[in-house]
């Protein structure tokens, strides 16, 4: 697999994923100094106190100065404005990646904004939690997780290899996907389910807000992801809106079909739909 080491790493956004990445890098001895950047100084102070990062800076440009690896862990809606702040401080040879759930056009825009000698390679570790913040950070978060890497025709081969080795060193399983295909896939298996979970909770509240307190494990399991960060999922929903809107239509067709079967008391058709879904769900590992 090869070995990799970064003298200085900057984590832009020290939340659950950013803090977990810092802990994992430190545990695997893949870096020297780790610098954090974020909007909330109290959070950065806590991260330093917990030895998740070595230091922090509220100025993104200064935080990235002389870094060998810069990882975007801020919400995807803030990527481009953040690049504008830091690009003049990125040293030649620096490697830039991210943990964002949206790729597509964003990857190409990030690439185009990199100064000469600096390479961006998009990555998306399929790891996380409905819990937010550094309190839930875990050095083993990426171990055994799938990590989608989205190289383009312009991606530097050496940079791609470094990013691949980086995630493999943290225990992740690498899958390369075209950036646009990535967004279609995750609109279906991640973005749509989050939107449905948010909608389901709100629907129950619209029926009768007091019913929520009677919820059992089934409701908790199916809506767990509605506890995810509203800010993060706002940005994801808007940035991948074309795919999401197409798939909402597909979901509505399925929901309407079930509704028609229930209305007609068509037990055979209803059971067939349920069996189909159960069989498909049992293949999910």
C-alpha atoms as a PDB file:
ATOM      1  CA  UNK A   1       0.000   0.000   0.000  1.00  0.00           C
ATOM      2  CA  UNK A   2       2.884   2.356   0.643  1.00  0.00           C
ATOM      3  CA  UNK A   3       3.389   4.861   3.421  1.00  0.00           C
ATOM      4  CA  UNK A   4       2.443   8.496   3.679  1.00  0.00           C
ATOM      5  CA  UNK A   5       3.259  11.291   6.111  1.00  0.00           C
ATOM      6  CA  UNK A   6       2.339  14.966   6.233  1.00  0.00           C
ATOM      7  CA  UNK A   7       4.399  17.395   8.287  1.00  0.00           C
ATOM      8  CA  UNK A   8       1.487  19.802   8.706  1.00  0.00           C
ATOM      9  CA  UNK A   9      -2.224  19.172   8.229  1.00  0.00           C
ATOM     10  CA  UNK A  10      -4.997  21.767   8.318  1.00  0.00           C
ATOM     11  CA  UNK A  11      -8.531  20.692   9.151  1.00  0.00           C
ATOM     12  CA  UNK A  12     -11.047  23.261   7.900  1.00  0.00           C
ATOM     13  CA  UNK A  13     -14.045  22.642  10.122  1.00  0.00           C
ATOM     14  CA  UNK A  14     -13.407  20.737  13.356  1.00  0.00           C
ATOM     15  CA  UNK A  15     -16.763  18.990  13.744  1.00  0.00           C
ATOM     16  CA  UNK A  16     -17.480  15.265  13.916  1.00  0.00           C
ATOM     17  CA  UNK A  17     -15.696  14.312  10.685  1.00  0.00           C
ATOM     18  CA  UNK A  18     -12.891  16.855  10.978  1.00  0.00           C
ATOM     19  CA  UNK A  19     -12.131  15.924  14.582  1.00  0.00           C
ATOM     20  CA  UNK A  20     -12.368  12.197  13.844  1.00  0.00           C
ATOM     21  CA  UNK A  21      -9.968  12.619  10.926  1.00  0.00           C
ATOM     22  CA  UNK A  22      -7.510  14.494  13.144  1.00  0.00           C
ATOM     23  CA  UNK A  23      -7.685  11.743  15.780  1.00  0.00           C
ATOM     24  CA  UNK A  24      -7.236   9.046  13.142  1.00  0.00           C
ATOM     25  CA  UNK A  25      -4.246  10.796  11.559  1.00  0.00           C
ATOM     26  CA  UNK A  26      -2.629  11.148  14.958  1.00  0.00           C
ATOM     27  CA  UNK A  27      -3.351   7.555  15.994  1.00  0.00           C
ATOM     28  CA  UNK A  28      -1.880   6.191  12.758  1.00  0.00           C
ATOM     29  CA  UNK A  29       1.102   8.559  13.032  1.00  0.00           C
ATOM     30  CA  UNK A  30       0.454   9.943   9.549  1.00  0.00           C
ATOM     31  CA  UNK A  31       1.270  13.549  10.369  1.00  0.00           C
ATOM     32  CA  UNK A  32       3.191  15.943  12.554  1.00  0.00           C
ATOM     33  CA  UNK A  33       1.315  19.145  13.387  1.00  0.00           C
ATOM     34  CA  UNK A  34      -2.482  19.447  13.072  1.00  0.00           C
ATOM     35  CA  UNK A  35      -4.020  22.913  12.795  1.00  0.00           C
ATOM     36  CA  UNK A  36      -7.738  23.518  13.103  1.00  0.00           C
ATOM     37  CA  UNK A  37      -9.891  26.256  11.618  1.00  0.00           C
ATOM     38  CA  UNK A  38     -13.519  27.075  12.334  1.00  0.00           C
ATOM     39  CA  UNK A  39     -16.015  29.791  13.138  1.00  0.00           C
ATOM     40  CA  UNK A  40     -16.420  29.048  16.847  1.00  0.00           C
ATOM     41  CA  UNK A  41     -13.353  29.669  18.968  1.00  0.00           C
ATOM     42  CA  UNK A  42     -14.822  27.839  21.963  1.00  0.00           C
ATOM     43  CA  UNK A  43     -15.095  24.690  19.872  1.00  0.00           C
ATOM     44  CA  UNK A  44     -11.498  25.056  18.664  1.00  0.00           C
ATOM     45  CA  UNK A  45     -10.281  25.637  22.220  1.00  0.00           C
ATOM     46  CA  UNK A  46     -12.044  22.450  23.269  1.00  0.00           C
ATOM     47  CA  UNK A  47     -10.468  20.542  20.383  1.00  0.00           C
ATOM     48  CA  UNK A  48      -7.046  21.743  21.437  1.00  0.00           C
ATOM     49  CA  UNK A  49      -7.724  20.907  25.076  1.00  0.00           C
ATOM     50  CA  UNK A  50      -8.740  17.382  24.066  1.00  0.00           C
ATOM     51  CA  UNK A  51      -5.530  17.114  21.984  1.00  0.00           C
ATOM     52  CA  UNK A  52      -7.523  16.632  18.785  1.00  0.00           C
ATOM     53  CA  UNK A  53      -5.564  19.497  17.215  1.00  0.00           C
ATOM     54  CA  UNK A  54      -2.256  21.079  18.185  1.00  0.00           C
ATOM     55  CA  UNK A  55      -3.291  24.653  17.450  1.00  0.00           C
ATOM     56  CA  UNK A  56      -5.978  26.661  15.726  1.00  0.00           C
ATOM     57  CA  UNK A  57      -6.468  29.862  13.806  1.00  0.00           C
ATOM     58  CA  UNK A  58      -9.654  31.814  13.162  1.00  0.00           C
ATOM     59  CA  UNK A  59      -8.117  33.049   9.911  1.00  0.00           C
ATOM     60  CA  UNK A  60      -8.433  30.298   7.279  1.00  0.00           C
ATOM     61  CA  UNK A  61      -5.583  31.705   5.205  1.00  0.00           C
ATOM     62  CA  UNK A  62      -3.161  31.654   8.143  1.00  0.00           C
ATOM     63  CA  UNK A  63      -4.366  28.197   9.208  1.00  0.00           C
ATOM     64  CA  UNK A  64      -3.406  26.795   5.793  1.00  0.00           C
ATOM     65  CA  UNK A  65      -0.029  28.487   5.512  1.00  0.00           C
ATOM     66  CA  UNK A  66       2.752  25.943   4.859  1.00  0.00           C
ATOM     67  CA  UNK A  67       0.362  22.969   5.194  1.00  0.00           C
ATOM     68  CA  UNK A  68       1.043  19.791   3.236  1.00  0.00           C
ATOM     69  CA  UNK A  69      -2.549  18.554   3.463  1.00  0.00           C
ATOM     70  CA  UNK A  70      -5.700  20.673   3.705  1.00  0.00           C
ATOM     71  CA  UNK A  71      -9.002  18.912   4.319  1.00  0.00           C
ATOM     72  CA  UNK A  72     -12.326  20.665   3.769  1.00  0.00           C
ATOM     73  CA  UNK A  73     -14.696  19.552   6.524  1.00  0.00           C
ATOM     74  CA  UNK A  74     -16.865  22.673   6.441  1.00  0.00           C
ATOM     75  CA  UNK A  75     -20.400  22.427   4.927  1.00  0.00           C
ATOM     76  CA  UNK A  76     -20.196  22.020   1.149  1.00  0.00           C
ATOM     77  CA  UNK A  77     -21.957  25.351   0.645  1.00  0.00           C
ATOM     78  CA  UNK A  78     -18.898  27.086   2.114  1.00  0.00           C
ATOM     79  CA  UNK A  79     -16.251  25.353  -0.009  1.00  0.00           C
ATOM     80  CA  UNK A  80     -15.874  27.968  -2.726  1.00  0.00           C
ATOM     81  CA  UNK A  81     -15.821  31.011  -0.459  1.00  0.00           C
ATOM     82  CA  UNK A  82     -13.277  29.234   1.752  1.00  0.00           C
ATOM     83  CA  UNK A  83     -11.035  28.452  -1.235  1.00  0.00           C
ATOM     84  CA  UNK A  84     -11.124  32.150  -2.077  1.00  0.00           C
ATOM     85  CA  UNK A  85      -9.769  32.915   1.387  1.00  0.00           C
ATOM     86  CA  UNK A  86      -6.957  30.364   1.411  1.00  0.00           C
ATOM     87  CA  UNK A  87      -5.702  29.902  -2.150  1.00  0.00           C
ATOM     88  CA  UNK A  88      -2.993  32.563  -1.918  1.00  0.00           C
ATOM     89  CA  UNK A  89      -1.462  30.815   1.102  1.00  0.00           C
ATOM     90  CA  UNK A  90      -1.328  27.308  -0.347  1.00  0.00           C
ATOM     91  CA  UNK A  91       2.231  26.211  -0.939  1.00  0.00           C
ATOM     92  CA  UNK A  92       3.372  24.405  -4.067  1.00  0.00           C
ATOM     93  CA  UNK A  93       3.014  20.664  -3.600  1.00  0.00           C
ATOM     94  CA  UNK A  94       0.137  20.944  -1.129  1.00  0.00           C
ATOM     95  CA  UNK A  95      -2.647  18.402  -1.417  1.00  0.00           C
ATOM     96  CA  UNK A  96      -6.276  19.447  -0.899  1.00  0.00           C
ATOM     97  CA  UNK A  97      -9.196  17.088  -0.309  1.00  0.00           C
ATOM     98  CA  UNK A  98     -12.558  17.056   1.438  1.00  0.00           C
ATOM     99  CA  UNK A  99     -15.174  14.887   3.150  1.00  0.00           C
ATOM    100  CA  UNK A 100     -18.198  16.431   1.430  1.00  0.00           C
ATOM    101  CA  UNK A 101     -21.341  14.576   0.361  1.00  0.00           C
ATOM    102  CA  UNK A 102     -21.703  16.508  -2.908  1.00  0.00           C
ATOM    103  CA  UNK A 103     -19.205  16.312  -5.755  1.00  0.00           C
ATOM    104  CA  UNK A 104     -20.292  16.893  -9.389  1.00  0.00           C
ATOM    105  CA  UNK A 105     -19.684  20.459 -10.490  1.00  0.00           C
ATOM    106  CA  UNK A 106     -18.178  21.327  -7.109  1.00  0.00           C
ATOM    107  CA  UNK A 107     -15.161  19.093  -7.776  1.00  0.00           C
ATOM    108  CA  UNK A 108     -14.503  20.790 -11.100  1.00  0.00           C
ATOM    109  CA  UNK A 109     -14.841  24.253  -9.547  1.00  0.00           C
ATOM    110  CA  UNK A 110     -12.500  23.341  -6.713  1.00  0.00           C
ATOM    111  CA  UNK A 111      -9.949  22.037  -9.222  1.00  0.00           C
ATOM    112  CA  UNK A 112     -10.121  25.212 -11.280  1.00  0.00           C
ATOM    113  CA  UNK A 113      -9.500  27.410  -8.227  1.00  0.00           C
ATOM    114  CA  UNK A 114      -6.321  25.645  -7.117  1.00  0.00           C
ATOM    115  CA  UNK A 115      -3.108  27.643  -7.671  1.00  0.00           C
ATOM    116  CA  UNK A 116      -0.291  26.124  -9.726  1.00  0.00           C
ATOM    117  CA  UNK A 117       1.367  23.138  -8.102  1.00  0.00           C
ATOM    118  CA  UNK A 118      -1.556  22.485  -5.745  1.00  0.00           C
ATOM    119  CA  UNK A 119      -3.831  19.515  -6.391  1.00  0.00           C
ATOM    120  CA  UNK A 120      -7.409  18.915  -5.309  1.00  0.00           C
ATOM    121  CA  UNK A 121      -8.813  15.390  -5.173  1.00  0.00           C
ATOM    122  CA  UNK A 122     -12.412  14.956  -4.056  1.00  0.00           C
ATOM    123  CA  UNK A 123     -13.197  12.313  -1.459  1.00  0.00           C
ATOM    124  CA  UNK A 124     -16.278  11.293   0.489  1.00  0.00           C
ATOM    125  CA  UNK A 125     -15.861   8.866   3.398  1.00  0.00           C
ATOM    126  CA  UNK A 126     -19.157   7.092   4.033  1.00  0.00           C
ATOM    127  CA  UNK A 127     -18.893   7.483   7.769  1.00  0.00           C
ATOM    128  CA  UNK A 128     -20.653   9.616  10.273  1.00  0.00           C
ATOM    129  CA  UNK A 129     -23.285   9.777  12.951  1.00  0.00           C
ATOM    130  CA  UNK A 130     -26.517  11.564  13.707  1.00  0.00           C
ATOM    131  CA  UNK A 131     -24.557  13.096  16.587  1.00  0.00           C
ATOM    132  CA  UNK A 132     -22.718  16.303  15.788  1.00  0.00           C
ATOM    133  CA  UNK A 133     -19.547  17.896  17.081  1.00  0.00           C
ATOM    134  CA  UNK A 134     -16.232  16.884  18.506  1.00  0.00           C
ATOM    135  CA  UNK A 135     -17.847  15.181  21.472  1.00  0.00           C
ATOM    136  CA  UNK A 136     -18.750  12.312  19.155  1.00  0.00           C
ATOM    137  CA  UNK A 137     -15.346  12.222  17.415  1.00  0.00           C
ATOM    138  CA  UNK A 138     -13.821   8.780  17.031  1.00  0.00           C
ATOM    139  CA  UNK A 139     -10.379   7.803  15.722  1.00  0.00           C
ATOM    140  CA  UNK A 140     -11.857   4.580  14.292  1.00  0.00           C
ATOM    141  CA  UNK A 141     -14.723   6.286  12.445  1.00  0.00           C
ATOM    142  CA  UNK A 142     -13.224   5.520   9.025  1.00  0.00           C
ATOM    143  CA  UNK A 143     -12.052   1.990   9.774  1.00  0.00           C
ATOM    144  CA  UNK A 144     -13.954  -0.405   7.539  1.00  0.00           C
ATOM    145  CA  UNK A 145     -15.914   2.450   5.961  1.00  0.00           C
ATOM    146  CA  UNK A 146     -16.229   2.945   2.239  1.00  0.00           C
ATOM    147  CA  UNK A 147     -14.570   6.070   0.866  1.00  0.00           C
ATOM    148  CA  UNK A 148     -15.586   7.397  -2.534  1.00  0.00           C
ATOM    149  CA  UNK A 149     -12.784   9.167  -4.399  1.00  0.00           C
ATOM    150  CA  UNK A 150     -13.799  11.250  -7.420  1.00  0.00           C
ATOM    151  CA  UNK A 151     -10.855  11.838  -9.788  1.00  0.00           C
ATOM    152  CA  UNK A 152     -11.376  13.784 -13.009  1.00  0.00           C
ATOM    153  CA  UNK A 153      -9.506  13.835 -16.303  1.00  0.00           C
ATOM    154  CA  UNK A 154      -7.360  16.620 -14.827  1.00  0.00           C
ATOM    155  CA  UNK A 155      -6.476  14.832 -11.586  1.00  0.00           C
ATOM    156  CA  UNK A 156      -2.758  14.454 -11.003  1.00  0.00           C
ATOM    157  CA  UNK A 157      -1.849  10.749 -10.769  1.00  0.00           C
ATOM    158  CA  UNK A 158       0.536  11.224  -7.837  1.00  0.00           C
ATOM    159  CA  UNK A 159      -2.033  13.282  -5.928  1.00  0.00           C
ATOM    160  CA  UNK A 160      -4.666  10.602  -6.512  1.00  0.00           C
ATOM    161  CA  UNK A 161      -2.309   7.918  -5.230  1.00  0.00           C
ATOM    162  CA  UNK A 162      -1.559   9.938  -2.076  1.00  0.00           C
ATOM    163  CA  UNK A 163      -5.244  10.433  -1.312  1.00  0.00           C
ATOM    164  CA  UNK A 164      -5.903   6.749  -1.916  1.00  0.00           C
ATOM    165  CA  UNK A 165      -3.060   5.738   0.413  1.00  0.00           C
ATOM    166  CA  UNK A 166      -4.264   8.261   3.000  1.00  0.00           C
ATOM    167  CA  UNK A 167      -7.765   6.810   3.286  1.00  0.00           C
ATOM    168  CA  UNK A 168      -6.534   3.226   3.073  1.00  0.00           C
ATOM    169  CA  UNK A 169      -4.123   3.974   5.911  1.00  0.00           C
ATOM    170  CA  UNK A 170      -7.125   5.035   7.995  1.00  0.00           C
ATOM    171  CA  UNK A 171      -8.807   1.700   7.280  1.00  0.00           C
ATOM    172  CA  UNK A 172     -11.211   2.825   4.555  1.00  0.00           C
ATOM    173  CA  UNK A 173     -12.176   0.861   1.443  1.00  0.00           C
ATOM    174  CA  UNK A 174     -11.669   2.943  -1.697  1.00  0.00           C
ATOM    175  CA  UNK A 175     -14.095   3.174  -4.599  1.00  0.00           C
ATOM    176  CA  UNK A 176     -13.412   5.556  -7.498  1.00  0.00           C
ATOM    177  CA  UNK A 177     -16.472   7.199  -9.040  1.00  0.00           C
ATOM    178  CA  UNK A 178     -17.091   9.886 -11.608  1.00  0.00           C
ATOM    179  CA  UNK A 179     -18.126  13.025  -9.699  1.00  0.00           C
ATOM    180  CA  UNK A 180     -21.509  13.303 -11.445  1.00  0.00           C
ATOM    181  CA  UNK A 181     -22.261   9.620 -10.941  1.00  0.00           C
ATOM    182  CA  UNK A 182     -21.360  10.064  -7.268  1.00  0.00           C
ATOM    183  CA  UNK A 183     -24.079  12.679  -6.938  1.00  0.00           C
ATOM    184  CA  UNK A 184     -26.682  10.473  -8.617  1.00  0.00           C
ATOM    185  CA  UNK A 185     -25.812   7.531  -6.375  1.00  0.00           C
ATOM    186  CA  UNK A 186     -25.857   9.504  -3.142  1.00  0.00           C
ATOM    187  CA  UNK A 187     -28.956  11.472  -4.072  1.00  0.00           C
ATOM    188  CA  UNK A 188     -30.686   8.075  -4.072  1.00  0.00           C
ATOM    189  CA  UNK A 189     -29.113   6.301  -1.091  1.00  0.00           C
ATOM    190  CA  UNK A 190     -28.312   9.222   1.218  1.00  0.00           C
ATOM    191  CA  UNK A 191     -29.767  12.597   0.307  1.00  0.00           C
ATOM    192  CA  UNK A 192     -33.307  11.364  -0.446  1.00  0.00           C
ATOM    193  CA  UNK A 193     -33.487   9.271   2.770  1.00  0.00           C
ATOM    194  CA  UNK A 194     -32.452  12.296   4.840  1.00  0.00           C
ATOM    195  CA  UNK A 195     -35.133  14.443   3.227  1.00  0.00           C
ATOM    196  CA  UNK A 196     -37.735  11.717   3.792  1.00  0.00           C
ATOM    197  CA  UNK A 197     -36.700  11.407   7.447  1.00  0.00           C
ATOM    198  CA  UNK A 198     -37.068  15.157   7.990  1.00  0.00           C
ATOM    199  CA  UNK A 199     -40.422  15.116   6.181  1.00  0.00           C
ATOM    200  CA  UNK A 200     -41.687  12.129   8.183  1.00  0.00           C
ATOM    201  CA  UNK A 201     -40.989  13.782  11.531  1.00  0.00           C
ATOM    202  CA  UNK A 202     -42.640  17.000  10.375  1.00  0.00           C
ATOM    203  CA  UNK A 203     -45.621  15.058   8.997  1.00  0.00           C
ATOM    204  CA  UNK A 204     -46.256  13.420  12.362  1.00  0.00           C
ATOM    205  CA  UNK A 205     -45.999  16.842  13.999  1.00  0.00           C
ATOM    206  CA  UNK A 206     -48.569  18.161  11.507  1.00  0.00           C
ATOM    207  CA  UNK A 207     -50.918  15.289  12.364  1.00  0.00           C
ATOM    208  CA  UNK A 208     -50.529  15.839  16.096  1.00  0.00           C
ATOM    209  CA  UNK A 209     -47.340  17.049  17.729  1.00  0.00           C
ATOM    210  CA  UNK A 210     -48.113  15.120  20.917  1.00  0.00           C
ATOM    211  CA  UNK A 211     -47.926  11.783  19.059  1.00  0.00           C
ATOM    212  CA  UNK A 212     -44.134  12.010  18.873  1.00  0.00           C
ATOM    213  CA  UNK A 213     -43.805  11.010  22.534  1.00  0.00           C
ATOM    214  CA  UNK A 214     -45.433   7.649  21.766  1.00  0.00           C
ATOM    215  CA  UNK A 215     -42.820   6.763  19.122  1.00  0.00           C
ATOM    216  CA  UNK A 216     -41.224   3.339  19.380  1.00  0.00           C
ATOM    217  CA  UNK A 217     -38.026   1.881  18.005  1.00  0.00           C
ATOM    218  CA  UNK A 218     -39.339   1.659  14.449  1.00  0.00           C
ATOM    219  CA  UNK A 219     -39.959   5.399  14.281  1.00  0.00           C
ATOM    220  CA  UNK A 220     -36.624   6.086  15.971  1.00  0.00           C
ATOM    221  CA  UNK A 221     -34.750   3.849  13.503  1.00  0.00           C
ATOM    222  CA  UNK A 222     -36.413   5.304  10.413  1.00  0.00           C
ATOM    223  CA  UNK A 223     -35.952   8.923  11.501  1.00  0.00           C
ATOM    224  CA  UNK A 224     -32.565   8.749  13.247  1.00  0.00           C
ATOM    225  CA  UNK A 225     -30.905  10.764  10.480  1.00  0.00           C
ATOM    226  CA  UNK A 226     -33.369  13.614  10.998  1.00  0.00           C
ATOM    227  CA  UNK A 227     -31.138  14.497  13.960  1.00  0.00           C
ATOM    228  CA  UNK A 228     -28.357  15.395  11.508  1.00  0.00           C
ATOM    229  CA  UNK A 229     -27.091  18.972  11.105  1.00  0.00           C
ATOM    230  CA  UNK A 230     -29.754  21.145   9.386  1.00  0.00           C
ATOM    231  CA  UNK A 231     -27.031  23.439   8.018  1.00  0.00           C
ATOM    232  CA  UNK A 232     -25.115  20.610   6.376  1.00  0.00           C
ATOM    233  CA  UNK A 233     -28.221  19.044   4.853  1.00  0.00           C
ATOM    234  CA  UNK A 234     -29.560  22.385   3.660  1.00  0.00           C
ATOM    235  CA  UNK A 235     -26.401  22.852   1.582  1.00  0.00           C
ATOM    236  CA  UNK A 236     -26.377  19.268   0.299  1.00  0.00           C
ATOM    237  CA  UNK A 237     -30.043  19.461  -0.724  1.00  0.00           C
ATOM    238  CA  UNK A 238     -29.573  22.670  -2.695  1.00  0.00           C
ATOM    239  CA  UNK A 239     -26.296  21.692  -4.322  1.00  0.00           C
ATOM    240  CA  UNK A 240     -27.607  18.326  -5.537  1.00  0.00           C
ATOM    241  CA  UNK A 241     -31.134  19.566  -6.145  1.00  0.00           C
ATOM    242  CA  UNK A 242     -31.610  18.305  -9.726  1.00  0.00           C
ATOM    243  CA  UNK A 243     -30.921  14.692  -8.793  1.00  0.00           C
ATOM    244  CA  UNK A 244     -32.864  14.970  -5.555  1.00  0.00           C
ATOM    245  CA  UNK A 245     -35.943  16.456  -7.249  1.00  0.00           C
ATOM    246  CA  UNK A 246     -35.949  13.629  -9.823  1.00  0.00           C
ATOM    247  CA  UNK A 247     -35.757  11.022  -7.090  1.00  0.00           C
ATOM    248  CA  UNK A 248     -38.449  12.670  -4.956  1.00  0.00           C
ATOM    249  CA  UNK A 249     -40.758  12.076  -7.939  1.00  0.00           C
ATOM    250  CA  UNK A 250     -39.762   8.396  -8.006  1.00  0.00           C
ATOM    251  CA  UNK A 251     -40.361   8.132  -4.252  1.00  0.00           C
ATOM    252  CA  UNK A 252     -43.755   9.786  -4.566  1.00  0.00           C
ATOM    253  CA  UNK A 253     -44.747   7.297  -7.275  1.00  0.00           C
ATOM    254  CA  UNK A 254     -43.879   4.426  -4.941  1.00  0.00           C
ATOM    255  CA  UNK A 255     -45.727   6.015  -2.033  1.00  0.00           C
ATOM    256  CA  UNK A 256     -48.786   6.711  -4.230  1.00  0.00           C
ATOM    257  CA  UNK A 257     -48.776   3.103  -5.449  1.00  0.00           C
ATOM    258  CA  UNK A 258     -48.841   1.831  -1.870  1.00  0.00           C
ATOM    259  CA  UNK A 259     -51.612   4.292  -1.103  1.00  0.00           C
ATOM    260  CA  UNK A 260     -53.706   2.959  -3.989  1.00  0.00           C
ATOM    261  CA  UNK A 261     -53.225  -0.631  -2.821  1.00  0.00           C
ATOM    262  CA  UNK A 262     -54.336   0.324   0.693  1.00  0.00           C
ATOM    263  CA  UNK A 263     -57.326   2.295  -0.620  1.00  0.00           C
ATOM    264  CA  UNK A 264     -58.485  -0.701  -2.677  1.00  0.00           C
ATOM    265  CA  UNK A 265     -57.703  -3.157   0.151  1.00  0.00           C
ATOM    266  CA  UNK A 266     -55.486  -5.008  -2.327  1.00  0.00           C
ATOM    267  CA  UNK A 267     -53.700  -7.230   0.161  1.00  0.00           C
ATOM    268  CA  UNK A 268     -51.899  -9.314  -2.481  1.00  0.00           C
ATOM    269  CA  UNK A 269     -50.356  -6.279  -4.230  1.00  0.00           C
ATOM    270  CA  UNK A 270     -49.501  -4.649  -0.903  1.00  0.00           C
ATOM    271  CA  UNK A 271     -47.744  -7.731   0.409  1.00  0.00           C
ATOM    272  CA  UNK A 272     -45.875  -8.073  -2.896  1.00  0.00           C
ATOM    273  CA  UNK A 273     -44.526  -4.517  -2.545  1.00  0.00           C
ATOM    274  CA  UNK A 274     -43.478  -5.169   1.045  1.00  0.00           C
ATOM    275  CA  UNK A 275     -41.761  -8.452   0.139  1.00  0.00           C
ATOM    276  CA  UNK A 276     -39.886  -6.771  -2.714  1.00  0.00           C
ATOM    277  CA  UNK A 277     -38.600  -4.072  -0.347  1.00  0.00           C
ATOM    278  CA  UNK A 278     -37.662  -6.556   2.362  1.00  0.00           C
ATOM    279  CA  UNK A 279     -35.678  -8.694  -0.086  1.00  0.00           C
ATOM    280  CA  UNK A 280     -33.796  -5.660  -1.374  1.00  0.00           C
ATOM    281  CA  UNK A 281     -33.169  -4.361   2.161  1.00  0.00           C
ATOM    282  CA  UNK A 282     -31.714  -7.700   3.273  1.00  0.00           C
ATOM    283  CA  UNK A 283     -28.976  -7.296   0.647  1.00  0.00           C
ATOM    284  CA  UNK A 284     -27.793  -4.066   2.269  1.00  0.00           C
ATOM    285  CA  UNK A 285     -24.708  -4.684   4.370  1.00  0.00           C
END
